[in-house]
Amino acid sequence: MKKTGSTTVLAAALALGLTAGIAVAAEEGSQYQAAPASKVKQMGGLSGTPVNTAISGGGIVPKGMLLTVFNSSYRNKYNIIDGGESDGRTLVNELYLLKIRYSPLDRLELIVVPGYINNSLNPYRNLGESSVTGWTDFNAGATYMFLSERFGDPVSMSFCLGLNLPTGQSGNSHPPGGGAWGWNTKLGLSKVFQPKHRIDADLGFAQPFEEGNQDVEKGYTITFNGSYHYIINDNFDVGLEFALTHNDEGEKNGIAMNNGTSELYAGPAINYILPKYKLWFGVGAYFPVYRDADSPTAFEDYRIDFKLGKLWSF
């Protein structure tokens, strides 16, 4: 196994930055809470939204409203961890997601997430350059928000349970393990310190029920993601976000594949909001803090995520 250099320093800097942001938010939040409510300008509902495609937090869409969010992530997987350039195939990975969220009740949200990938693979040994595109396994689920700041609780917390649908592509040119039924769950938390600070975090778990493409059954996935955003004004906010993912090794025809990975990426993000139209656009850049692999694996040296969201009322 191989880890990125300066892991300890970078991880410490990340932890220190997030801790400082939370401390400042808590201090300023207590000052604003002590002031008369009429004098505290409230944060807009779209301000401080995480940009990273993996972060959802603990809040849900208000009752009777529909949220559509288009996410994309660009990842240049040119760095082979636990091996040299000749030990693995490099590629450019582009991921596109459309998140559709609707709340029929005050504390219940329904979500559907179709996805599409475009992988541009570089030549490797006797394989030439190629491109692989197709649908990913869609996700559908429901989120119950058992604590809500809107209803007077100190934080917003929610629990999500979902199904992974077997919509992924099949064939030797498509990623192994796709096209399989599975399940996933998340515990999310959000906290707003009026009027300038917002924190979101979630802990997730996912696992397939069966073998997928190329007779591969993927291992379980554990995620821990978080963000802190500072609201500049009604139109702009900036933040620091991170995504930690562990993928356990899969099996092919019942035999362990020795392909487990762990990775932590972090970096800055910015949102531009148009409150009048309930519309916002976000972009984030994320860099490796920690990477580990059981066998030679291509990792990206950076990720660029985009988000375009629109809140609809009927």
C-alpha atoms as a PDB file:
ATOM      1  CA  MET A   1       0.000   0.000   0.000  1.00  0.00           C
ATOM      2  CA  LYS A   2       1.144   3.496  -0.756  1.00  0.00           C
ATOM      3  CA  LYS A   3       0.040   6.794   0.726  1.00  0.00           C
ATOM      4  CA  THR A   4       0.488  10.298  -0.619  1.00  0.00           C
ATOM      5  CA  GLY A   5       3.336  12.381   0.738  1.00  0.00           C
ATOM      6  CA  SER A   6       2.881  14.869   3.575  1.00  0.00           C
ATOM      7  CA  THR A   7      -0.325  13.098   4.593  1.00  0.00           C
ATOM      8  CA  THR A   8       0.006  13.984   8.266  1.00  0.00           C
ATOM      9  CA  VAL A   9       0.623  17.673   7.592  1.00  0.00           C
ATOM     10  CA  LEU A  10      -2.229  17.987   5.115  1.00  0.00           C
ATOM     11  CA  ALA A  11      -4.677  16.078   7.301  1.00  0.00           C
ATOM     12  CA  ALA A  12      -3.744  18.238  10.284  1.00  0.00           C
ATOM     13  CA  ALA A  13      -4.205  21.400   8.228  1.00  0.00           C
ATOM     14  CA  LEU A  14      -7.615  20.207   7.064  1.00  0.00           C
ATOM     15  CA  ALA A  15      -8.727  19.357  10.602  1.00  0.00           C
ATOM     16  CA  LEU A  16      -7.408  22.673  11.923  1.00  0.00           C
ATOM     17  CA  GLY A  17      -9.164  24.641   9.189  1.00  0.00           C
ATOM     18  CA  LEU A  18     -12.505  22.950   9.779  1.00  0.00           C
ATOM     19  CA  THR A  19     -12.171  23.279  13.557  1.00  0.00           C
ATOM     20  CA  ALA A  20     -11.358  26.974  13.251  1.00  0.00           C
ATOM     21  CA  GLY A  21     -14.322  27.524  10.957  1.00  0.00           C
ATOM     22  CA  ILE A  22     -16.690  25.783  13.373  1.00  0.00           C
ATOM     23  CA  ALA A  23     -15.268  27.721  16.337  1.00  0.00           C
ATOM     24  CA  VAL A  24     -15.679  31.067  14.581  1.00  0.00           C
ATOM     25  CA  ALA A  25     -19.183  30.115  13.481  1.00  0.00           C
ATOM     26  CA  ALA A  26     -20.166  29.071  16.992  1.00  0.00           C
ATOM     27  CA  GLU A  27     -18.774  32.269  18.539  1.00  0.00           C
ATOM     28  CA  GLU A  28     -20.442  34.568  16.013  1.00  0.00           C
ATOM     29  CA  GLY A  29     -23.634  32.490  16.075  1.00  0.00           C
ATOM     30  CA  SER A  30     -23.960  32.894  19.849  1.00  0.00           C
ATOM     31  CA  GLN A  31     -23.531  36.653  19.480  1.00  0.00           C
ATOM     32  CA  TYR A  32     -26.286  36.855  16.894  1.00  0.00           C
ATOM     33  CA  GLN A  33     -28.574  34.630  18.960  1.00  0.00           C
ATOM     34  CA  ALA A  34     -28.162  37.009  21.873  1.00  0.00           C
ATOM     35  CA  ALA A  35     -29.348  39.926  19.742  1.00  0.00           C
ATOM     36  CA  PRO A  36     -33.041  40.666  19.167  1.00  0.00           C
ATOM     37  CA  ALA A  37     -34.368  38.400  16.407  1.00  0.00           C
ATOM     38  CA  SER A  38     -35.623  41.369  14.402  1.00  0.00           C
ATOM     39  CA  LYS A  39     -32.063  42.673  14.035  1.00  0.00           C
ATOM     40  CA  VAL A  40     -30.552  39.422  12.756  1.00  0.00           C
ATOM     41  CA  LYS A  41     -30.572  39.054   8.972  1.00  0.00           C
ATOM     42  CA  GLN A  42     -31.510  35.455   8.158  1.00  0.00           C
ATOM     43  CA  MET A  43     -29.437  33.379   5.727  1.00  0.00           C
ATOM     44  CA  GLY A  44     -31.155  32.523   2.436  1.00  0.00           C
ATOM     45  CA  GLY A  45     -32.235  28.905   1.998  1.00  0.00           C
ATOM     46  CA  LEU A  46     -29.805  28.273  -0.883  1.00  0.00           C
ATOM     47  CA  SER A  47     -26.780  29.960   0.723  1.00  0.00           C
ATOM     48  CA  GLY A  48     -23.931  27.715   1.846  1.00  0.00           C
ATOM     49  CA  THR A  49     -25.066  24.668  -0.136  1.00  0.00           C
ATOM     50  CA  PRO A  50     -22.245  22.092  -0.549  1.00  0.00           C
ATOM     51  CA  VAL A  51     -20.822  21.851  -4.072  1.00  0.00           C
ATOM     52  CA  ASN A  52     -19.187  18.413  -3.787  1.00  0.00           C
ATOM     53  CA  THR A  53     -21.359  15.776  -5.470  1.00  0.00           C
ATOM     54  CA  ALA A  54     -21.046  13.483  -2.427  1.00  0.00           C
ATOM     55  CA  ILE A  55     -22.284  15.842   0.324  1.00  0.00           C
ATOM     56  CA  SER A  56     -25.974  16.016   1.238  1.00  0.00           C
ATOM     57  CA  GLY A  57     -26.099  17.143   4.898  1.00  0.00           C
ATOM     58  CA  GLY A  58     -29.090  16.874   7.207  1.00  0.00           C
ATOM     59  CA  GLY A  59     -31.650  19.193   5.632  1.00  0.00           C
ATOM     60  CA  ILE A  60     -34.430  18.399   3.156  1.00  0.00           C
ATOM     61  CA  VAL A  61     -36.481  20.397   0.672  1.00  0.00           C
ATOM     62  CA  PRO A  62     -39.443  22.309   2.221  1.00  0.00           C
ATOM     63  CA  LYS A  63     -42.841  20.612   1.963  1.00  0.00           C
ATOM     64  CA  GLY A  64     -44.423  20.845  -1.483  1.00  0.00           C
ATOM     65  CA  MET A  65     -41.240  22.002  -3.223  1.00  0.00           C
ATOM     66  CA  LEU A  66     -39.115  20.293  -5.874  1.00  0.00           C
ATOM     67  CA  LEU A  67     -35.333  20.620  -6.141  1.00  0.00           C
ATOM     68  CA  THR A  68     -33.447  19.681  -9.297  1.00  0.00           C
ATOM     69  CA  VAL A  69     -29.656  19.686  -9.193  1.00  0.00           C
ATOM     70  CA  PHE A  70     -27.301  18.910 -12.055  1.00  0.00           C
ATOM     71  CA  ASN A  71     -23.876  17.769 -10.813  1.00  0.00           C
ATOM     72  CA  SER A  72     -20.742  17.004 -12.786  1.00  0.00           C
ATOM     73  CA  SER A  73     -17.281  15.923 -11.708  1.00  0.00           C
ATOM     74  CA  TYR A  74     -14.085  15.877 -13.789  1.00  0.00           C
ATOM     75  CA  ARG A  75     -11.273  13.547 -12.629  1.00  0.00           C
ATOM     76  CA  ASN A  76      -7.968  12.942 -14.427  1.00  0.00           C
ATOM     77  CA  LYS A  77      -6.814   9.558 -13.108  1.00  0.00           C
ATOM     78  CA  TYR A  78      -3.175   9.809 -14.196  1.00  0.00           C
ATOM     79  CA  ASN A  79      -1.391   8.866 -10.966  1.00  0.00           C
ATOM     80  CA  ILE A  80      -0.823   5.162 -10.254  1.00  0.00           C
ATOM     81  CA  ILE A  81      -0.750   4.481  -6.515  1.00  0.00           C
ATOM     82  CA  ASP A  82       1.077   1.366  -5.253  1.00  0.00           C
ATOM     83  CA  GLY A  83       2.835   0.936  -8.585  1.00  0.00           C
ATOM     84  CA  GLY A  84       4.482   2.574 -11.577  1.00  0.00           C
ATOM     85  CA  GLU A  85       3.053   3.987 -14.790  1.00  0.00           C
ATOM     86  CA  SER A  86       3.200   0.552 -16.453  1.00  0.00           C
ATOM     87  CA  ASP A  87       1.245  -1.148 -13.645  1.00  0.00           C
ATOM     88  CA  GLY A  88      -2.177   0.336 -14.325  1.00  0.00           C
ATOM     89  CA  ARG A  89      -4.307   2.032 -16.966  1.00  0.00           C
ATOM     90  CA  THR A  90      -4.796   5.772 -16.703  1.00  0.00           C
ATOM     91  CA  LEU A  91      -7.952   7.546 -17.781  1.00  0.00           C
ATOM     92  CA  VAL A  92     -10.096  10.666 -17.569  1.00  0.00           C
ATOM     93  CA  ASN A  93     -13.377  10.130 -15.743  1.00  0.00           C
ATOM     94  CA  GLU A  94     -16.382  12.424 -16.168  1.00  0.00           C
ATOM     95  CA  LEU A  95     -19.423  11.842 -13.957  1.00  0.00           C
ATOM     96  CA  TYR A  96     -22.838  13.473 -14.485  1.00  0.00           C
ATOM     97  CA  LEU A  97     -25.687  13.269 -11.969  1.00  0.00           C
ATOM     98  CA  LEU A  98     -29.204  14.689 -11.917  1.00  0.00           C
ATOM     99  CA  LYS A  99     -30.614  14.804  -8.381  1.00  0.00           C
ATOM    100  CA  ILE A 100     -34.400  15.148  -8.190  1.00  0.00           C
ATOM    101  CA  ARG A 101     -35.721  15.796  -4.662  1.00  0.00           C
ATOM    102  CA  TYR A 102     -39.323  16.363  -3.591  1.00  0.00           C
ATOM    103  CA  SER A 103     -40.902  16.644  -0.123  1.00  0.00           C
ATOM    104  CA  PRO A 104     -44.560  15.567   0.141  1.00  0.00           C
ATOM    105  CA  LEU A 105     -44.457  16.087   3.937  1.00  0.00           C
ATOM    106  CA  ASP A 106     -42.691  18.422   6.365  1.00  0.00           C
ATOM    107  CA  ARG A 107     -40.130  15.805   7.413  1.00  0.00           C
ATOM    108  CA  LEU A 108     -40.094  13.397   4.447  1.00  0.00           C
ATOM    109  CA  GLU A 109     -38.208  13.777   1.163  1.00  0.00           C
ATOM    110  CA  LEU A 110     -38.149  11.487  -1.865  1.00  0.00           C
ATOM    111  CA  ILE A 111     -35.077  11.401  -4.113  1.00  0.00           C
ATOM    112  CA  VAL A 112     -34.113   9.898  -7.482  1.00  0.00           C
ATOM    113  CA  VAL A 113     -30.573  10.195  -8.881  1.00  0.00           C
ATOM    114  CA  PRO A 114     -29.878   9.062 -12.458  1.00  0.00           C
ATOM    115  CA  GLY A 115     -26.225   9.160 -13.501  1.00  0.00           C
ATOM    116  CA  TYR A 116     -24.047   8.982 -16.611  1.00  0.00           C
ATOM    117  CA  ILE A 117     -20.298   8.438 -17.033  1.00  0.00           C
ATOM    118  CA  ASN A 118     -17.773   9.135 -19.768  1.00  0.00           C
ATOM    119  CA  ASN A 119     -14.405   7.399 -19.375  1.00  0.00           C
ATOM    120  CA  SER A 120     -11.575   8.200 -21.802  1.00  0.00           C
ATOM    121  CA  LEU A 121      -8.985   5.437 -21.398  1.00  0.00           C
ATOM    122  CA  ASN A 122      -5.355   5.872 -22.411  1.00  0.00           C
ATOM    123  CA  PRO A 123      -3.374   3.140 -24.243  1.00  0.00           C
ATOM    124  CA  TYR A 124      -2.202   0.349 -21.929  1.00  0.00           C
ATOM    125  CA  ARG A 125       0.013  -2.560 -22.963  1.00  0.00           C
ATOM    126  CA  ASN A 126      -1.769  -4.172 -25.944  1.00  0.00           C
ATOM    127  CA  LEU A 127      -4.900  -2.041 -25.500  1.00  0.00           C
ATOM    128  CA  GLY A 128      -5.403   1.076 -27.567  1.00  0.00           C
ATOM    129  CA  GLU A 129      -7.053   4.339 -26.654  1.00  0.00           C
ATOM    130  CA  SER A 130     -10.792   3.976 -26.112  1.00  0.00           C
ATOM    131  CA  SER A 131     -13.864   5.677 -24.691  1.00  0.00           C
ATOM    132  CA  VAL A 132     -16.542   4.118 -22.491  1.00  0.00           C
ATOM    133  CA  THR A 133     -19.848   5.886 -21.882  1.00  0.00           C
ATOM    134  CA  GLY A 134     -23.156   4.863 -20.390  1.00  0.00           C
ATOM    135  CA  TRP A 135     -25.629   5.040 -17.540  1.00  0.00           C
ATOM    136  CA  THR A 136     -24.559   4.325 -13.994  1.00  0.00           C
ATOM    137  CA  ASP A 137     -26.653   2.438 -11.451  1.00  0.00           C
ATOM    138  CA  PHE A 138     -29.400   4.891 -10.494  1.00  0.00           C
ATOM    139  CA  ASN A 139     -30.290   5.603  -6.875  1.00  0.00           C
ATOM    140  CA  ALA A 140     -33.799   6.037  -5.424  1.00  0.00           C
ATOM    141  CA  GLY A 141     -34.621   6.593  -1.782  1.00  0.00           C
ATOM    142  CA  ALA A 142     -36.420   8.433   0.979  1.00  0.00           C
ATOM    143  CA  THR A 143     -35.082  10.747   3.701  1.00  0.00           C
ATOM    144  CA  TYR A 144     -36.704  11.310   7.094  1.00  0.00           C
ATOM    145  CA  MET A 145     -35.630  14.491   8.920  1.00  0.00           C
ATOM    146  CA  PHE A 146     -36.048  13.770  12.642  1.00  0.00           C
ATOM    147  CA  LEU A 147     -34.506  17.077  13.779  1.00  0.00           C
ATOM    148  CA  SER A 148     -35.067  20.384  11.994  1.00  0.00           C
ATOM    149  CA  GLU A 149     -33.834  23.902  12.637  1.00  0.00           C
ATOM    150  CA  ARG A 150     -36.918  25.153  10.778  1.00  0.00           C
ATOM    151  CA  PHE A 151     -39.054  23.650  13.542  1.00  0.00           C
ATOM    152  CA  GLY A 152     -36.924  24.913  16.433  1.00  0.00           C
ATOM    153  CA  ASP A 153     -34.375  22.129  16.917  1.00  0.00           C
ATOM    154  CA  PRO A 154     -30.715  23.145  17.456  1.00  0.00           C
ATOM    155  CA  VAL A 155     -29.564  21.228  14.354  1.00  0.00           C
ATOM    156  CA  SER A 156     -31.057  19.477  11.342  1.00  0.00           C
ATOM    157  CA  MET A 157     -30.482  15.715  11.189  1.00  0.00           C
ATOM    158  CA  SER A 158     -31.884  13.181   8.756  1.00  0.00           C
ATOM    159  CA  PHE A 159     -31.718   9.486   7.903  1.00  0.00           C
ATOM    160  CA  CYS A 160     -31.822   8.283   4.300  1.00  0.00           C
ATOM    161  CA  LEU A 161     -32.477   4.759   3.033  1.00  0.00           C
ATOM    162  CA  GLY A 162     -32.172   3.990  -0.657  1.00  0.00           C
ATOM    163  CA  LEU A 163     -31.898   1.371  -3.382  1.00  0.00           C
ATOM    164  CA  ASN A 164     -29.239   1.146  -6.078  1.00  0.00           C
ATOM    165  CA  LEU A 165     -31.020   0.193  -9.297  1.00  0.00           C
ATOM    166  CA  PRO A 166     -29.354  -2.121 -11.891  1.00  0.00           C
ATOM    167  CA  THR A 167     -29.300   0.440 -14.714  1.00  0.00           C
ATOM    168  CA  GLY A 168     -25.524   0.286 -15.341  1.00  0.00           C
ATOM    169  CA  GLN A 169     -24.072  -0.951 -18.620  1.00  0.00           C
ATOM    170  CA  SER A 170     -22.887  -4.515 -19.246  1.00  0.00           C
ATOM    171  CA  GLY A 171     -20.043  -5.869 -21.360  1.00  0.00           C
ATOM    172  CA  ASN A 172     -16.251  -6.182 -21.135  1.00  0.00           C
ATOM    173  CA  SER A 173     -15.696  -2.526 -22.046  1.00  0.00           C
ATOM    174  CA  HIS A 174     -17.858  -1.256 -19.177  1.00  0.00           C
ATOM    175  CA  PRO A 175     -16.858  -0.976 -15.493  1.00  0.00           C
ATOM    176  CA  PRO A 176     -17.036  -4.248 -13.545  1.00  0.00           C
ATOM    177  CA  GLY A 177     -19.711  -4.657 -10.898  1.00  0.00           C
ATOM    178  CA  GLY A 178     -22.271  -2.309 -12.440  1.00  0.00           C
ATOM    179  CA  GLY A 179     -25.834  -3.287 -13.257  1.00  0.00           C
ATOM    180  CA  ALA A 180     -26.527  -4.778  -9.821  1.00  0.00           C
ATOM    181  CA  TRP A 181     -29.173  -4.272  -7.153  1.00  0.00           C
ATOM    182  CA  GLY A 182     -27.913  -2.805  -3.895  1.00  0.00           C
ATOM    183  CA  TRP A 183     -28.807  -0.636  -0.937  1.00  0.00           C
ATOM    184  CA  ASN A 184     -27.439   2.479   0.706  1.00  0.00           C
ATOM    185  CA  THR A 185     -28.019   4.586   3.785  1.00  0.00           C
ATOM    186  CA  LYS A 186     -26.888   7.973   5.107  1.00  0.00           C
ATOM    187  CA  LEU A 187     -27.023   9.902   8.357  1.00  0.00           C
ATOM    188  CA  GLY A 188     -26.796  13.641   7.698  1.00  0.00           C
ATOM    189  CA  LEU A 189     -26.330  16.765   9.804  1.00  0.00           C
ATOM    190  CA  SER A 190     -26.634  20.469   9.018  1.00  0.00           C
ATOM    191  CA  LYS A 191     -26.197  23.509  11.240  1.00  0.00           C
ATOM    192  CA  VAL A 192     -26.737  27.167  10.384  1.00  0.00           C
ATOM    193  CA  PHE A 193     -25.154  29.889  12.537  1.00  0.00           C
ATOM    194  CA  GLN A 194     -27.127  32.945  11.454  1.00  0.00           C
ATOM    195  CA  PRO A 195     -26.397  34.894   9.438  1.00  0.00           C
ATOM    196  CA  LYS A 196     -22.962  33.950   8.022  1.00  0.00           C
ATOM    197  CA  HIS A 197     -22.026  30.306   8.624  1.00  0.00           C
ATOM    198  CA  ARG A 198     -23.276  26.879   7.561  1.00  0.00           C
ATOM    199  CA  ILE A 199     -21.942  23.370   8.287  1.00  0.00           C
ATOM    200  CA  ASP A 200     -23.016  20.135   6.552  1.00  0.00           C
ATOM    201  CA  ALA A 201     -21.817  16.565   7.087  1.00  0.00           C
ATOM    202  CA  ASP A 202     -22.956  13.007   6.434  1.00  0.00           C
ATOM    203  CA  LEU A 203     -21.888   9.419   7.087  1.00  0.00           C
ATOM    204  CA  GLY A 204     -22.881   6.832   4.485  1.00  0.00           C
ATOM    205  CA  PHE A 205     -22.788   3.106   3.730  1.00  0.00           C
ATOM    206  CA  ALA A 206     -23.577   1.245   0.496  1.00  0.00           C
ATOM    207  CA  GLN A 207     -23.436  -2.411  -0.528  1.00  0.00           C
ATOM    208  CA  PRO A 208     -24.643  -4.442  -3.537  1.00  0.00           C
ATOM    209  CA  PHE A 209     -26.981  -7.418  -3.164  1.00  0.00           C
ATOM    210  CA  GLU A 210     -25.522  -9.390  -6.055  1.00  0.00           C
ATOM    211  CA  GLU A 211     -22.897  -9.772  -8.754  1.00  0.00           C
ATOM    212  CA  GLY A 212     -22.907  -7.232 -11.533  1.00  0.00           C
ATOM    213  CA  ASN A 213     -21.092  -6.703 -14.806  1.00  0.00           C
ATOM    214  CA  GLN A 214     -18.232  -9.140 -15.595  1.00  0.00           C
ATOM    215  CA  ASP A 215     -19.380 -11.414 -12.720  1.00  0.00           C
ATOM    216  CA  VAL A 216     -17.994  -8.944 -10.185  1.00  0.00           C
ATOM    217  CA  GLU A 217     -19.659  -8.163  -6.862  1.00  0.00           C
ATOM    218  CA  LYS A 218     -18.387  -4.861  -5.533  1.00  0.00           C
ATOM    219  CA  GLY A 219     -17.393  -4.548  -1.900  1.00  0.00           C
ATOM    220  CA  TYR A 220     -19.124  -2.230   0.532  1.00  0.00           C
ATOM    221  CA  THR A 221     -18.456   1.525   0.502  1.00  0.00           C
ATOM    222  CA  ILE A 222     -18.193   3.800   3.539  1.00  0.00           C
ATOM    223  CA  THR A 223     -18.224   7.584   3.104  1.00  0.00           C
ATOM    224  CA  PHE A 224     -17.740  10.532   5.437  1.00  0.00           C
ATOM    225  CA  ASN A 225     -18.171  13.982   3.905  1.00  0.00           C
ATOM    226  CA  GLY A 226     -18.379  17.515   5.215  1.00  0.00           C
ATOM    227  CA  SER A 227     -18.336  21.216   4.388  1.00  0.00           C
ATOM    228  CA  TYR A 228     -18.117  24.632   6.021  1.00  0.00           C
ATOM    229  CA  HIS A 229     -19.364  27.687   4.100  1.00  0.00           C
ATOM    230  CA  TYR A 230     -19.070  31.381   4.883  1.00  0.00           C
ATOM    231  CA  ILE A 231     -21.837  33.556   3.436  1.00  0.00           C
ATOM    232  CA  ILE A 232     -20.418  36.768   1.945  1.00  0.00           C
ATOM    233  CA  ASN A 233     -23.778  38.205   0.878  1.00  0.00           C
ATOM    234  CA  ASP A 234     -27.070  37.078  -0.647  1.00  0.00           C
ATOM    235  CA  ASN A 235     -25.311  36.155  -3.894  1.00  0.00           C
ATOM    236  CA  PHE A 236     -21.972  34.629  -2.867  1.00  0.00           C
ATOM    237  CA  ASP A 237     -20.567  32.174  -0.364  1.00  0.00           C
ATOM    238  CA  VAL A 238     -17.222  30.384  -0.114  1.00  0.00           C
ATOM    239  CA  GLY A 239     -16.283  27.209   1.716  1.00  0.00           C
ATOM    240  CA  LEU A 240     -13.984  24.301   2.483  1.00  0.00           C
ATOM    241  CA  GLU A 241     -15.226  20.788   1.688  1.00  0.00           C
ATOM    242  CA  PHE A 242     -13.902  17.243   2.042  1.00  0.00           C
ATOM    243  CA  ALA A 243     -14.913  13.727   0.946  1.00  0.00           C
ATOM    244  CA  LEU A 244     -13.521  10.555   2.566  1.00  0.00           C
ATOM    245  CA  THR A 245     -14.302   7.237   0.831  1.00  0.00           C
ATOM    246  CA  HIS A 246     -13.347   3.644   1.582  1.00  0.00           C
ATOM    247  CA  ASN A 247     -14.168   0.963  -0.998  1.00  0.00           C
ATOM    248  CA  ASP A 248     -13.741  -2.580   0.266  1.00  0.00           C
ATOM    249  CA  GLU A 249     -12.358  -5.178  -2.131  1.00  0.00           C
ATOM    250  CA  GLY A 250     -14.781  -6.902  -4.484  1.00  0.00           C
ATOM    251  CA  GLU A 251     -15.128 -10.498  -5.598  1.00  0.00           C
ATOM    252  CA  LYS A 252     -15.086 -12.070  -9.062  1.00  0.00           C
ATOM    253  CA  ASN A 253     -16.736 -15.466  -9.225  1.00  0.00           C
ATOM    254  CA  GLY A 254     -16.381 -15.664  -5.447  1.00  0.00           C
ATOM    255  CA  ILE A 255     -12.624 -14.889  -5.416  1.00  0.00           C
ATOM    256  CA  ALA A 256     -11.296 -11.765  -3.665  1.00  0.00           C
ATOM    257  CA  MET A 257      -9.939  -9.193  -6.143  1.00  0.00           C
ATOM    258  CA  ASN A 258      -7.515  -7.356  -3.806  1.00  0.00           C
ATOM    259  CA  ASN A 259      -8.737  -4.007  -5.153  1.00  0.00           C
ATOM    260  CA  GLY A 260      -9.769  -2.094  -2.025  1.00  0.00           C
ATOM    261  CA  THR A 261      -9.093   1.658  -1.920  1.00  0.00           C
ATOM    262  CA  SER A 262      -9.291   4.565   0.524  1.00  0.00           C
ATOM    263  CA  GLU A 263      -9.107   8.257  -0.372  1.00  0.00           C
ATOM    264  CA  LEU A 264      -9.585  11.688   1.150  1.00  0.00           C
ATOM    265  CA  TYR A 265      -9.971  14.768  -1.046  1.00  0.00           C
ATOM    266  CA  ALA A 266     -10.456  18.332   0.177  1.00  0.00           C
ATOM    267  CA  GLY A 267     -10.516  21.831  -1.238  1.00  0.00           C
ATOM    268  CA  PRO A 268     -12.291  25.175  -1.714  1.00  0.00           C
ATOM    269  CA  ALA A 269     -15.733  25.769  -3.200  1.00  0.00           C
ATOM    270  CA  ILE A 270     -17.789  28.818  -4.150  1.00  0.00           C
ATOM    271  CA  ASN A 271     -21.501  29.384  -4.871  1.00  0.00           C
ATOM    272  CA  TYR A 272     -23.231  32.115  -6.852  1.00  0.00           C
ATOM    273  CA  ILE A 273     -26.913  32.448  -5.936  1.00  0.00           C
ATOM    274  CA  LEU A 274     -29.817  34.208  -7.651  1.00  0.00           C
ATOM    275  CA  PRO A 275     -32.408  34.332  -4.832  1.00  0.00           C
ATOM    276  CA  LYS A 276     -35.105  35.890  -7.019  1.00  0.00           C
ATOM    277  CA  TYR A 277     -35.053  32.844  -9.306  1.00  0.00           C
ATOM    278  CA  LYS A 278     -34.238  30.260  -6.587  1.00  0.00           C
ATOM    279  CA  LEU A 279     -31.239  29.289  -8.697  1.00  0.00           C
ATOM    280  CA  TRP A 280     -27.570  28.752  -7.874  1.00  0.00           C
ATOM    281  CA  PHE A 281     -24.313  27.673  -9.477  1.00  0.00           C
ATOM    282  CA  GLY A 282     -21.340  26.237  -7.625  1.00  0.00           C
ATOM    283  CA  VAL A 283     -17.810  25.098  -8.442  1.00  0.00           C
ATOM    284  CA  GLY A 284     -15.237  23.326  -6.286  1.00  0.00           C
ATOM    285  CA  ALA A 285     -11.647  22.081  -6.677  1.00  0.00           C
ATOM    286  CA  TYR A 286     -10.488  19.146  -4.535  1.00  0.00           C
ATOM    287  CA  PHE A 287      -7.011  17.744  -4.011  1.00  0.00           C
ATOM    288  CA  PRO A 288      -5.687  14.499  -2.473  1.00  0.00           C
ATOM    289  CA  VAL A 289      -4.936  14.463   1.233  1.00  0.00           C
ATOM    290  CA  TYR A 290      -4.756  10.686   1.576  1.00  0.00           C
ATOM    291  CA  ARG A 291      -4.785   7.820  -0.945  1.00  0.00           C
ATOM    292  CA  ASP A 292      -4.290   4.115  -0.331  1.00  0.00           C
ATOM    293  CA  ALA A 293      -4.750   1.043  -2.541  1.00  0.00           C
ATOM    294  CA  ASP A 294      -4.375  -2.721  -2.134  1.00  0.00           C
ATOM    295  CA  SER A 295      -2.953  -3.016  -5.674  1.00  0.00           C
ATOM    296  CA  PRO A 296      -1.836  -0.601  -8.434  1.00  0.00           C
ATOM    297  CA  THR A 297      -4.735   1.820  -8.976  1.00  0.00           C
ATOM    298  CA  ALA A 298      -5.162   5.014 -10.985  1.00  0.00           C
ATOM    299  CA  PHE A 299      -6.099   8.041  -8.846  1.00  0.00           C
ATOM    300  CA  GLU A 300      -6.746  11.635  -9.837  1.00  0.00           C
ATOM    301  CA  ASP A 301      -4.455  14.483  -8.755  1.00  0.00           C
ATOM    302  CA  TYR A 302      -7.440  16.834  -8.583  1.00  0.00           C
ATOM    303  CA  ARG A 303     -11.213  16.913  -8.993  1.00  0.00           C
ATOM    304  CA  ILE A 304     -13.303  19.728 -10.413  1.00  0.00           C
ATOM    305  CA  ASP A 305     -16.987  19.614  -9.456  1.00  0.00           C
ATOM    306  CA  PHE A 306     -19.810  21.751 -10.849  1.00  0.00           C
ATOM    307  CA  LYS A 307     -23.348  22.156  -9.546  1.00  0.00           C
ATOM    308  CA  LEU A 308     -26.390  23.903 -11.010  1.00  0.00           C
ATOM    309  CA  GLY A 309     -29.506  23.861  -8.829  1.00  0.00           C
ATOM    310  CA  LYS A 310     -33.063  25.143  -9.112  1.00  0.00           C
ATOM    311  CA  LEU A 311     -35.798  25.134  -6.465  1.00  0.00           C
ATOM    312  CA  TRP A 312     -39.334  24.889  -7.828  1.00  0.00           C
ATOM    313  CA  SER A 313     -42.569  25.771  -6.042  1.00  0.00           C
ATOM    314  CA  PHE A 314     -46.043  24.839  -7.249  1.00  0.00           C
END
